[in-house]
N, C-alpha and C. Protein backbone atom coordinates (compact mmCIF):
# COMPACT_ATOMS: atom_id res chain seq x y z
N MET A 1 69.85 90.20 69.63
CA MET A 1 70.52 90.66 70.62
C MET A 1 70.21 89.46 72.18
N ALA A 2 68.57 89.52 72.09
CA ALA A 2 68.33 88.55 73.11
C ALA A 2 69.41 86.87 73.74
N GLU A 3 69.82 87.07 72.47
CA GLU A 3 70.10 85.31 72.14
C GLU A 3 71.73 85.08 72.89
N ASP A 4 72.73 86.59 72.91
CA ASP A 4 73.85 87.51 73.09
C ASP A 4 73.86 87.21 74.31
N LEU A 5 73.10 87.60 75.21
CA LEU A 5 72.95 88.24 76.92
C LEU A 5 72.40 87.02 77.11
N GLU A 6 71.84 86.01 77.07
CA GLU A 6 71.81 84.56 76.91
C GLU A 6 72.96 84.10 77.33
N ARG A 7 73.29 84.19 75.71
CA ARG A 7 74.97 82.94 76.08
C ARG A 7 75.46 83.49 76.60
N LEU A 8 75.67 85.18 77.50
CA LEU A 8 76.61 85.05 78.45
C LEU A 8 76.27 85.12 79.52
N THR A 9 74.97 85.36 80.11
CA THR A 9 74.23 85.17 81.30
C THR A 9 74.71 83.55 81.68
N LYS A 10 74.44 82.48 80.76
CA LYS A 10 75.22 81.04 80.55
C LYS A 10 76.78 80.67 80.86
N PHE A 11 77.77 81.39 80.18
CA PHE A 11 78.70 81.59 80.52
C PHE A 11 79.00 82.13 82.36
N ILE A 12 78.94 82.78 82.52
CA ILE A 12 78.98 83.44 83.36
C ILE A 12 78.49 83.02 84.57
N GLU A 13 77.05 82.69 84.53
CA GLU A 13 77.18 81.39 85.97
C GLU A 13 78.07 80.68 85.61
N GLU A 14 78.50 79.70 84.15
CA GLU A 14 78.76 78.23 84.83
C GLU A 14 80.15 78.76 84.98
N ASN A 15 80.75 79.91 85.07
CA ASN A 15 82.00 79.99 85.95
C ASN A 15 82.29 81.27 87.09
N LYS A 16 82.11 81.52 87.13
CA LYS A 16 81.81 82.17 88.46
C LYS A 16 81.77 81.98 89.27
N GLY A 17 82.97 82.08 90.51
CA GLY A 17 83.02 81.26 91.87
C GLY A 17 83.53 80.41 91.88
N LYS A 18 85.08 79.76 91.05
CA LYS A 18 85.29 79.21 91.11
C LYS A 18 86.92 79.04 91.40
N ARG A 19 87.04 80.56 91.58
CA ARG A 19 88.73 80.25 92.15
C ARG A 19 88.11 81.43 93.41
N LYS A 20 89.27 81.33 94.25
CA LYS A 20 89.48 81.86 95.65
C LYS A 20 89.37 83.56 95.66
N PHE A 21 89.49 84.21 93.96
CA PHE A 21 89.72 85.05 93.75
C PHE A 21 88.57 85.87 93.41
N LYS A 22 88.48 87.33 93.33
CA LYS A 22 87.13 87.99 92.33
C LYS A 22 88.14 88.03 91.18
N GLN A 23 87.19 87.26 89.98
CA GLN A 23 87.97 87.50 88.31
C GLN A 23 87.42 88.12 88.05
N THR A 24 87.65 88.85 87.40
CA THR A 24 87.64 89.98 85.99
C THR A 24 86.58 89.68 84.71
N VAL A 25 86.27 90.27 84.23
CA VAL A 25 85.55 89.50 82.93
C VAL A 25 86.15 90.49 81.80
N GLU A 26 87.21 89.66 80.87
CA GLU A 26 87.59 90.69 80.12
C GLU A 26 87.78 90.13 78.40
N LEU A 27 87.52 91.08 78.07
CA LEU A 27 87.52 90.39 76.16
C LEU A 27 89.07 90.42 75.47
N ALA A 28 88.36 89.65 74.45
CA ALA A 28 90.03 89.66 73.21
C ALA A 28 89.29 90.28 71.84
N ILE A 29 89.32 91.70 71.46
CA ILE A 29 89.10 91.97 69.86
C ILE A 29 89.62 91.65 68.98
N ASN A 30 89.52 90.81 67.98
CA ASN A 30 90.43 90.57 66.53
C ASN A 30 89.78 91.27 65.77
N PHE A 31 90.88 92.12 64.52
CA PHE A 31 90.37 93.00 63.58
C PHE A 31 90.42 92.42 62.38
N LYS A 32 89.79 93.03 61.84
CA LYS A 32 90.01 92.59 60.03
C LYS A 32 90.15 94.18 58.90
N GLY A 33 90.25 93.74 57.77
CA GLY A 33 90.71 95.27 56.85
C GLY A 33 91.29 96.36 58.14
N ILE A 34 92.89 95.75 58.44
CA ILE A 34 93.02 97.39 58.94
C ILE A 34 94.60 96.51 59.17
N ASP A 35 95.45 97.61 58.35
CA ASP A 35 96.98 97.38 58.38
C ASP A 35 97.32 97.97 59.61
N PHE A 36 97.63 97.10 60.63
CA PHE A 36 98.34 98.05 61.84
C PHE A 36 99.69 98.81 61.58
N SER A 37 100.28 98.15 60.75
CA SER A 37 102.20 98.48 60.32
C SER A 37 101.72 99.88 60.04
N LYS A 38 100.29 100.86 60.04
CA LYS A 38 100.93 101.54 59.41
C LYS A 38 99.97 102.44 60.60
N GLN A 39 100.86 103.56 61.37
CA GLN A 39 100.43 103.98 62.81
C GLN A 39 99.21 104.75 63.04
N ASP A 40 98.43 105.47 61.30
CA ASP A 40 97.67 105.96 61.41
C ASP A 40 96.56 105.06 62.13
N ASN A 41 96.60 103.88 61.50
CA ASN A 41 96.06 102.82 62.04
C ASN A 41 95.91 101.62 63.93
N LYS A 42 96.68 102.91 64.26
CA LYS A 42 97.10 102.06 65.24
C LYS A 42 96.14 102.56 66.59
N ILE A 43 95.38 102.15 66.63
CA ILE A 43 94.33 102.37 68.62
C ILE A 43 94.40 102.35 69.84
N ASN A 44 94.42 103.63 70.02
CA ASN A 44 94.30 104.41 71.25
C ASN A 44 93.41 104.89 71.55
N LEU A 45 92.63 104.13 72.44
CA LEU A 45 91.27 104.44 72.38
C LEU A 45 90.31 104.54 74.04
N GLU A 46 90.05 105.33 74.40
CA GLU A 46 89.82 105.19 75.65
C GLU A 46 87.81 105.52 75.32
N VAL A 47 87.24 104.14 77.04
CA VAL A 47 85.72 104.17 76.99
C VAL A 47 85.60 104.48 77.92
N THR A 48 84.33 104.95 77.49
CA THR A 48 83.71 105.10 79.58
C THR A 48 83.30 103.92 79.64
N LEU A 49 82.99 102.76 80.70
CA LEU A 49 81.88 101.22 80.79
C LEU A 49 80.31 102.15 81.81
N PRO A 50 79.46 101.65 81.33
CA PRO A 50 78.26 102.57 81.49
C PRO A 50 78.30 101.97 82.82
N HIS A 51 79.03 101.32 83.18
CA HIS A 51 78.35 100.86 84.53
C HIS A 51 79.81 100.37 85.85
N GLY A 52 81.52 101.42 84.59
CA GLY A 52 82.18 100.15 85.03
C GLY A 52 82.47 99.46 85.27
N LYS A 53 84.05 99.64 86.05
CA LYS A 53 85.26 97.45 86.21
C LYS A 53 84.42 96.75 87.03
N GLY A 54 83.93 97.60 88.11
CA GLY A 54 83.34 96.58 88.74
C GLY A 54 84.23 96.36 90.14
N LYS A 55 85.50 97.31 90.01
CA LYS A 55 86.08 96.88 90.96
C LYS A 55 86.81 98.85 91.30
N THR A 56 87.41 98.23 93.02
CA THR A 56 87.93 99.39 93.32
C THR A 56 89.55 99.90 92.97
N ILE A 57 89.54 101.10 92.58
CA ILE A 57 91.13 101.27 91.81
C ILE A 57 91.58 102.60 93.23
N LYS A 58 92.90 102.44 93.21
CA LYS A 58 94.13 103.66 94.24
C LYS A 58 94.09 104.43 93.56
N ILE A 59 94.28 105.46 93.91
CA ILE A 59 94.48 106.82 93.04
C ILE A 59 95.16 107.11 93.49
N ALA A 60 96.20 107.77 92.69
CA ALA A 60 97.33 108.40 93.73
C ALA A 60 97.53 109.79 92.25
N VAL A 61 97.72 111.08 93.40
CA VAL A 61 97.49 112.55 92.95
C VAL A 61 99.08 113.17 93.18
N PHE A 62 99.23 113.25 91.79
CA PHE A 62 101.18 114.22 92.10
C PHE A 62 100.39 116.21 92.32
N SER A 63 100.95 116.64 93.44
CA SER A 63 100.57 118.08 94.43
C SER A 63 101.50 118.50 94.78
N ASN A 64 101.62 120.08 95.00
CA ASN A 64 102.64 120.48 95.77
C ASN A 64 101.13 121.65 96.48
N ASP A 65 100.34 121.18 95.60
CA ASP A 65 99.29 122.72 96.48
C ASP A 65 98.62 122.29 98.05
N ASN A 66 98.52 122.78 98.27
CA ASN A 66 97.97 122.00 99.47
C ASN A 66 96.51 121.81 99.71
N ALA A 67 95.57 122.46 98.96
CA ALA A 67 94.47 122.31 99.09
C ALA A 67 93.93 121.12 97.49
N ILE A 68 94.70 121.22 96.94
CA ILE A 68 94.50 119.63 96.20
C ILE A 68 94.48 118.51 97.23
N ALA A 69 96.19 118.60 97.84
CA ALA A 69 96.52 117.51 98.64
C ALA A 69 95.68 117.51 99.19
N ALA A 70 94.53 118.43 99.72
CA ALA A 70 93.39 117.85 101.27
C ALA A 70 92.35 117.03 100.53
N GLU A 71 92.19 117.43 99.73
CA GLU A 71 90.68 117.64 99.02
C GLU A 71 91.57 115.93 98.41
N ALA A 72 92.31 116.11 97.96
CA ALA A 72 92.82 113.88 97.98
C ALA A 72 92.84 113.22 99.03
N LYS A 73 93.15 113.61 99.79
CA LYS A 73 93.42 112.37 101.39
C LYS A 73 91.61 112.43 101.48
N GLN A 74 90.80 113.65 101.34
CA GLN A 74 89.60 113.29 101.73
C GLN A 74 88.68 112.39 101.18
N ASN A 75 89.42 111.66 100.52
CA ASN A 75 88.62 111.32 99.16
C ASN A 75 89.57 109.66 98.92
N SER A 76 90.32 109.70 99.79
CA SER A 76 91.08 108.68 100.42
C SER A 76 92.10 108.05 98.83
N MET A 77 92.67 109.11 98.32
CA MET A 77 93.64 109.24 96.85
C MET A 77 94.80 109.40 98.08
N ASP A 78 96.12 108.31 97.60
CA ASP A 78 97.36 108.57 97.83
C ASP A 78 98.08 109.68 97.06
N VAL A 79 98.61 110.93 98.13
CA VAL A 79 98.96 112.09 97.35
C VAL A 79 101.63 112.42 96.97
N ILE A 80 101.32 112.47 96.45
CA ILE A 80 103.07 112.34 95.77
C ILE A 80 103.17 113.79 95.47
N SER A 81 104.24 113.92 96.43
CA SER A 81 104.81 115.68 96.25
C SER A 81 105.62 115.42 95.04
N GLY A 82 105.39 117.43 94.22
CA GLY A 82 106.32 117.43 93.13
C GLY A 82 107.52 117.07 93.92
N THR A 83 107.98 117.35 94.77
CA THR A 83 109.85 117.02 95.25
C THR A 83 109.97 115.76 95.21
N GLU A 84 109.07 114.72 95.03
CA GLU A 84 109.51 113.21 95.04
C GLU A 84 109.73 112.73 93.64
N ILE A 85 109.04 113.62 92.24
CA ILE A 85 109.16 113.05 91.14
C ILE A 85 110.67 112.44 90.87
N ASP A 86 112.00 113.42 90.88
CA ASP A 86 112.93 112.64 90.41
C ASP A 86 113.62 111.45 91.41
N ALA A 87 113.35 110.84 92.44
CA ALA A 87 113.30 110.26 93.38
C ALA A 87 113.01 109.34 93.10
N ILE A 88 111.46 109.43 93.21
CA ILE A 88 111.40 107.90 92.10
C ILE A 88 111.43 107.27 91.09
N ALA A 89 111.96 108.30 90.14
CA ALA A 89 112.51 108.20 88.31
C ALA A 89 113.69 107.34 89.03
N LYS A 90 114.38 106.86 90.09
CA LYS A 90 115.71 106.75 90.48
C LYS A 90 115.80 105.63 91.22
N ASP A 91 114.42 105.19 91.70
CA ASP A 91 113.63 104.35 92.53
C ASP A 91 112.75 102.95 91.90
N PRO A 92 113.48 101.42 91.53
CA PRO A 92 112.26 100.63 90.80
C PRO A 92 111.47 100.32 91.22
N LYS A 93 112.08 100.44 92.76
CA LYS A 93 110.31 99.71 93.68
C LYS A 93 109.02 100.87 93.39
N ARG A 94 108.90 101.89 93.44
CA ARG A 94 108.87 102.85 93.28
C ARG A 94 108.17 103.21 92.23
N LEU A 95 108.28 103.77 91.40
CA LEU A 95 109.10 103.16 90.30
C LEU A 95 106.64 102.22 89.21
N ASN A 96 107.52 100.96 90.22
CA ASN A 96 106.62 99.65 89.71
C ASN A 96 105.30 99.83 90.98
N ASP A 97 105.31 100.12 91.73
CA ASP A 97 104.86 100.98 92.80
C ASP A 97 103.16 101.82 91.78
N LEU A 98 103.96 102.67 91.49
CA LEU A 98 102.75 103.22 90.46
C LEU A 98 102.00 102.69 90.18
N LEU A 99 102.42 101.67 89.10
CA LEU A 99 101.96 100.64 88.29
C LEU A 99 100.43 100.57 88.77
N GLU A 100 100.78 100.18 90.10
CA GLU A 100 98.92 99.97 90.76
C GLU A 100 98.01 100.92 90.50
N TYR A 101 98.27 102.02 90.03
CA TYR A 101 97.21 103.07 90.67
C TYR A 101 96.97 103.75 89.63
N GLU A 102 95.73 104.40 90.06
CA GLU A 102 95.07 105.97 88.25
C GLU A 102 95.78 106.93 88.82
N LEU A 103 96.32 107.48 87.53
CA LEU A 103 97.09 108.47 87.92
C LEU A 103 96.59 110.15 88.06
N ILE A 104 96.42 110.87 89.27
CA ILE A 104 96.40 112.02 88.11
C ILE A 104 97.45 113.67 89.33
N ALA A 105 97.86 114.38 87.77
CA ALA A 105 99.00 115.27 88.44
C ALA A 105 97.67 116.72 88.46
N GLN A 106 98.07 117.59 89.26
CA GLN A 106 98.42 119.46 88.85
C GLN A 106 98.87 119.47 87.83
N PRO A 107 98.33 120.26 86.98
CA PRO A 107 99.19 120.70 85.32
C PRO A 107 100.39 120.83 85.54
N GLN A 108 100.72 121.74 86.85
CA GLN A 108 102.38 122.39 86.72
C GLN A 108 103.30 121.35 87.16
N LEU A 109 102.46 120.47 87.38
CA LEU A 109 103.99 119.01 87.14
C LEU A 109 104.14 118.10 86.52
N MET A 110 103.46 118.28 85.16
CA MET A 110 102.99 117.34 83.99
C MET A 110 104.19 118.13 83.71
N PRO A 111 104.26 118.56 83.47
CA PRO A 111 106.34 118.12 82.47
C PRO A 111 106.90 117.62 83.04
N ALA A 112 107.73 117.53 84.58
CA ALA A 112 108.17 117.27 85.13
C ALA A 112 108.06 115.72 84.94
N ILE A 113 106.93 115.41 84.99
CA ILE A 113 106.58 113.82 84.93
C ILE A 113 106.86 113.87 83.73
N ALA A 114 106.62 114.22 82.89
CA ALA A 114 106.69 113.83 81.39
C ALA A 114 108.67 113.35 81.52
N LYS A 115 109.13 114.36 81.54
CA LYS A 115 110.72 114.08 81.93
C LYS A 115 111.27 113.20 82.28
N SER A 116 110.62 112.91 83.66
CA SER A 116 111.59 112.01 84.09
C SER A 116 110.27 110.60 84.62
N LEU A 117 109.74 110.63 84.36
CA LEU A 117 108.44 109.44 84.87
C LEU A 117 107.72 108.49 83.33
N GLY A 118 108.46 110.07 82.46
CA GLY A 118 107.88 109.78 81.81
C GLY A 118 108.13 108.37 80.28
N GLN A 119 109.41 107.65 80.39
CA GLN A 119 109.70 107.23 79.86
C GLN A 119 109.24 105.58 80.21
N PHE A 120 108.89 105.68 81.57
CA PHE A 120 108.76 104.78 81.98
C PHE A 120 107.04 104.57 82.18
N LEU A 121 106.51 105.26 82.29
CA LEU A 121 104.80 105.56 82.39
C LEU A 121 104.01 105.35 81.19
N GLY A 122 104.62 106.03 80.15
CA GLY A 122 103.52 106.44 78.95
C GLY A 122 104.08 105.06 77.94
N PRO A 123 104.37 104.52 77.18
CA PRO A 123 104.64 103.06 77.20
C PRO A 123 103.94 102.09 78.48
N ARG A 124 103.48 102.34 79.13
CA ARG A 124 102.66 101.26 80.10
C ARG A 124 100.76 101.82 79.92
N ASN A 125 100.75 103.07 79.40
CA ASN A 125 99.53 103.69 79.61
C ASN A 125 99.82 104.26 81.37
N LYS A 126 99.83 105.14 81.76
CA LYS A 126 99.97 105.44 83.14
C LYS A 126 100.18 106.57 83.41
N MET A 127 100.65 107.43 82.44
CA MET A 127 101.36 109.02 82.46
C MET A 127 99.62 109.92 83.59
N PRO A 128 99.46 110.11 84.09
CA PRO A 128 98.76 110.78 84.93
C PRO A 128 97.58 111.89 83.80
N LYS A 129 96.56 111.91 84.44
CA LYS A 129 95.76 112.59 83.84
C LYS A 129 95.93 114.48 84.40
N PRO A 130 96.10 115.47 83.80
CA PRO A 130 96.09 116.56 84.02
C PRO A 130 95.29 116.89 84.89
N LEU A 131 94.96 117.54 85.90
CA LEU A 131 93.70 118.05 86.46
C LEU A 131 93.23 119.45 86.55
N ILE A 132 92.26 119.35 84.96
CA ILE A 132 91.98 120.64 84.54
C ILE A 132 90.51 120.37 84.48
N GLY A 133 89.81 121.47 84.74
CA GLY A 133 88.53 122.19 84.96
C GLY A 133 87.60 120.90 85.01
N SER A 134 88.00 120.49 86.47
CA SER A 134 86.48 119.40 87.08
C SER A 134 87.87 118.77 88.63
N SER A 135 86.62 118.56 88.86
CA SER A 135 86.85 118.43 90.28
C SER A 135 88.16 116.48 90.88
N LEU A 136 88.12 116.67 91.51
CA LEU A 136 89.08 115.49 92.24
C LEU A 136 88.06 114.32 92.01
N LYS A 137 87.08 114.33 92.63
CA LYS A 137 85.79 113.55 93.25
C LYS A 137 85.25 113.20 91.38
N THR A 138 85.46 114.21 90.77
CA THR A 138 84.16 113.73 89.53
C THR A 138 86.13 112.99 88.72
N MET A 139 86.62 113.13 88.54
CA MET A 139 87.91 112.91 88.07
C MET A 139 88.25 110.85 88.45
N SER A 140 88.18 111.01 89.85
CA SER A 140 87.73 109.74 90.14
C SER A 140 87.17 109.30 90.07
N ASN A 141 86.04 109.58 89.88
CA ASN A 141 84.45 108.65 89.30
C ASN A 141 84.39 108.35 87.92
N ASP A 142 85.73 109.07 87.16
CA ASP A 142 85.44 108.80 85.64
C ASP A 142 86.57 107.73 85.50
N LEU A 143 87.46 107.38 86.51
CA LEU A 143 88.95 106.61 86.41
C LEU A 143 87.71 104.96 86.76
N THR A 144 87.17 105.50 87.44
CA THR A 144 86.67 104.02 87.55
C THR A 144 86.18 103.85 87.11
N LYS A 145 85.22 103.99 86.46
CA LYS A 145 84.58 103.74 84.80
C LYS A 145 85.48 103.82 82.88
N ARG A 146 87.19 104.17 83.40
CA ARG A 146 87.83 104.00 81.75
C ARG A 146 88.87 103.31 81.49
N ILE A 147 88.51 102.57 80.62
CA ILE A 147 89.63 101.76 79.87
C ILE A 147 90.33 102.13 78.84
N THR A 148 91.24 101.71 78.49
CA THR A 148 92.25 102.24 77.15
C THR A 148 91.90 101.05 76.30
N LEU A 149 91.68 101.02 75.73
CA LEU A 149 91.82 100.09 73.82
C LEU A 149 93.32 99.95 73.49
N LYS A 150 94.54 99.54 73.15
CA LYS A 150 95.80 99.98 72.40
C LYS A 150 96.04 98.93 71.94
N THR A 151 96.01 98.76 70.73
CA THR A 151 97.02 98.27 69.50
C THR A 151 98.46 97.63 70.53
N LYS A 152 99.05 96.47 70.74
CA LYS A 152 100.40 96.23 70.84
C LYS A 152 101.30 95.38 69.37
N GLY A 153 102.49 95.49 69.52
CA GLY A 153 103.73 95.35 68.88
C GLY A 153 102.90 95.94 66.93
N LYS A 154 103.80 95.56 65.91
CA LYS A 154 103.74 96.31 64.95
C LYS A 154 102.17 95.79 63.79
N ASN A 155 102.43 94.41 63.81
CA ASN A 155 100.83 94.21 63.21
C ASN A 155 100.42 93.47 64.02
N ILE A 156 99.75 93.47 64.79
CA ILE A 156 98.80 92.18 66.41
C ILE A 156 97.48 93.02 65.69
N PRO A 157 96.50 92.04 64.85
CA PRO A 157 95.51 93.05 65.09
C PRO A 157 94.45 92.34 66.28
N THR A 158 94.55 92.42 67.26
CA THR A 158 94.41 91.98 68.27
C THR A 158 94.14 93.13 69.67
N VAL A 159 93.18 93.31 70.38
CA VAL A 159 93.22 94.08 71.70
C VAL A 159 92.63 93.91 72.49
N HIS A 160 92.54 93.92 74.04
CA HIS A 160 92.64 92.76 75.50
C HIS A 160 92.00 94.16 76.30
N CYS A 161 90.23 93.84 76.79
CA CYS A 161 90.24 94.87 78.19
C CYS A 161 89.65 94.42 79.00
N VAL A 162 88.57 94.92 79.84
CA VAL A 162 88.28 94.46 81.06
C VAL A 162 87.17 95.33 80.82
N VAL A 163 86.12 94.18 80.95
CA VAL A 163 84.47 94.70 81.16
C VAL A 163 83.62 94.92 82.40
N GLY A 164 84.31 94.15 83.64
CA GLY A 164 83.51 93.81 84.69
C GLY A 164 83.97 92.87 85.68
N THR A 165 83.36 92.24 86.70
CA THR A 165 84.25 91.43 87.14
C THR A 165 82.88 90.56 87.43
N GLU A 166 83.23 89.45 87.76
CA GLU A 166 82.47 87.51 88.01
C GLU A 166 80.60 88.52 88.52
N ASP A 167 81.34 89.48 89.67
CA ASP A 167 79.84 89.71 90.19
C ASP A 167 79.33 90.69 90.38
N MET A 168 79.44 91.15 89.31
CA MET A 168 78.69 92.20 88.66
C MET A 168 77.06 91.69 88.17
N ASN A 169 76.17 92.70 87.83
CA ASN A 169 74.83 92.02 87.09
C ASN A 169 75.58 91.91 86.15
N VAL A 170 74.67 90.92 85.09
CA VAL A 170 75.47 89.87 83.59
C VAL A 170 74.51 91.48 82.82
N ASN A 171 73.61 92.37 82.99
CA ASN A 171 73.20 93.46 81.96
C ASN A 171 73.72 93.98 81.71
N ASP A 172 74.73 94.43 83.28
CA ASP A 172 75.25 95.93 83.28
C ASP A 172 76.85 95.32 82.45
N ILE A 173 77.08 93.88 82.83
CA ILE A 173 78.29 93.42 81.63
C ILE A 173 77.92 93.52 80.05
N TYR A 174 76.94 92.61 79.85
CA TYR A 174 76.49 92.79 78.22
C TYR A 174 76.39 94.70 78.50
N ASP A 175 75.83 95.71 78.52
CA ASP A 175 75.80 97.01 78.29
C ASP A 175 77.07 97.27 78.09
N ASN A 176 78.36 97.39 79.02
CA ASN A 176 79.22 97.70 79.21
C ASN A 176 80.59 97.49 77.62
N ILE A 177 80.25 95.70 77.19
CA ILE A 177 80.42 94.59 76.00
C ILE A 177 80.29 95.65 75.15
N LYS A 178 79.00 95.96 74.88
CA LYS A 178 78.14 97.01 73.97
C LYS A 178 78.57 98.17 73.80
N GLU A 179 79.09 98.97 74.86
CA GLU A 179 79.64 100.01 74.49
C GLU A 179 81.56 99.90 74.00
N VAL A 180 81.87 98.99 74.64
CA VAL A 180 82.92 98.46 73.66
C VAL A 180 82.71 98.73 72.29
N VAL A 181 82.43 97.77 72.11
CA VAL A 181 82.65 98.12 70.83
C VAL A 181 81.86 99.20 70.29
N ASN A 182 81.00 99.47 70.03
CA ASN A 182 80.30 100.81 69.68
C ASN A 182 81.33 101.88 69.72
N GLY A 183 82.36 101.72 70.67
CA GLY A 183 83.55 103.09 70.68
C GLY A 183 84.40 102.47 69.46
N ILE A 184 84.90 100.93 69.69
CA ILE A 184 85.69 100.53 68.47
C ILE A 184 84.96 101.31 66.87
N ASN A 185 83.56 100.58 66.66
CA ASN A 185 83.16 100.85 65.24
C ASN A 185 83.17 102.73 65.24
N ARG A 186 82.31 103.27 65.82
CA ARG A 186 83.08 104.62 65.73
C ARG A 186 84.15 104.93 65.87
N LYS A 187 85.21 104.45 66.38
CA LYS A 187 86.43 105.64 66.34
C LYS A 187 87.01 104.57 64.52
N LEU A 188 86.74 103.14 64.69
CA LEU A 188 87.33 102.90 63.01
C LEU A 188 86.56 103.01 61.55
N GLY A 189 84.96 103.01 61.80
CA GLY A 189 84.15 103.68 60.85
C GLY A 189 84.08 102.04 60.32
N GLY A 190 83.13 101.85 60.20
CA GLY A 190 82.64 100.13 59.53
C GLY A 190 82.33 99.04 60.57
N ASN A 191 82.58 98.06 59.64
CA ASN A 191 82.22 96.82 60.99
C ASN A 191 84.07 96.54 60.73
N HIS A 192 85.03 96.20 61.35
CA HIS A 192 86.33 96.14 60.90
C HIS A 192 86.33 94.90 62.66
N ILE A 193 85.23 94.72 62.83
CA ILE A 193 86.06 93.40 63.94
C ILE A 193 85.21 92.22 63.60
N ARG A 194 86.62 91.16 63.71
CA ARG A 194 86.39 89.90 62.86
C ARG A 194 85.90 88.55 63.73
N SER A 195 86.01 88.89 65.39
CA SER A 195 85.35 87.85 66.37
C SER A 195 86.20 89.22 67.87
N LEU A 196 84.65 88.36 69.16
CA LEU A 196 85.12 88.95 69.74
C LEU A 196 85.10 88.13 71.21
N TYR A 197 85.95 87.57 71.62
CA TYR A 197 85.91 86.47 73.07
C TYR A 197 86.13 87.14 74.54
N VAL A 198 84.87 86.57 75.01
CA VAL A 198 84.46 86.79 76.59
C VAL A 198 85.23 85.75 77.20
N LYS A 199 85.70 85.97 78.68
CA LYS A 199 86.57 84.98 79.56
C LYS A 199 86.91 85.83 80.84
N PHE A 200 87.33 85.02 81.53
CA PHE A 200 87.41 85.20 83.33
C PHE A 200 88.54 85.41 83.40
N THR A 201 89.29 85.85 84.36
CA THR A 201 90.67 85.74 84.11
C THR A 201 91.27 83.85 84.08
N MET A 202 90.83 83.44 84.79
CA MET A 202 91.15 81.97 84.34
C MET A 202 90.08 81.24 84.17
N SER A 203 89.82 81.44 83.00
CA SER A 203 88.47 80.31 82.03
C SER A 203 88.74 80.38 80.93
N GLU A 204 88.13 79.57 79.90
CA GLU A 204 88.31 79.06 78.58
C GLU A 204 87.56 80.22 78.34
N PRO A 205 88.04 80.34 77.11
CA PRO A 205 86.94 81.79 76.67
C PRO A 205 85.92 81.14 75.92
N LEU A 206 84.83 82.74 75.68
CA LEU A 206 83.47 82.07 74.87
C LEU A 206 83.72 82.83 73.68
N LYS A 207 83.84 82.51 72.15
CA LYS A 207 83.67 83.44 71.36
C LYS A 207 81.87 84.49 71.46
N PHE A 208 82.11 85.38 71.44
CA PHE A 208 80.81 85.77 71.98
C PHE A 208 80.59 86.01 69.78
N ILE A 209 81.41 86.92 69.16
CA ILE A 209 81.04 87.19 68.03
C ILE A 209 82.15 86.88 67.20
């Protein structure tokens, strides 16, 4: 484990600060021993990174409730009224704008969102999280740490995810990587990871496993 941390530290030190923007740290995970053509074997797994994704995210809340809207604005979240849902569905620009946000919704609006926006948001894994049994602040904190691992295509044995940014502490990035690996192993049972690569947004990858 110490050797893995040393290799990751060296990789980050050699590659960070080389672009004019803050690069993300990403994983590419390749699997073995799983038939991904079978629906039951598809991966759609949420993992909470212990140290978050290392960047500020935008959050928008679908709500017709004045109290929820007020709380959202107090916490620097955008508010989308339920009366706007149909108009958004007909406007390509506003649809694409939604992809820049993590979305939360008042539960009563979820059926309307699914009907009008589900076909667009669902395949992009951007459907809102219903606001149930939690405060907006708690949900927003969770969303800053949560990532989704999802297989794409019929037989592609690979998933990609973000585990941090180049300016994060290397030990925190390492903890995030371990949590992703542990989450996969808990989900699939046994060791089905063939290889794991770490890279920056614009760097050559490091074979980590």
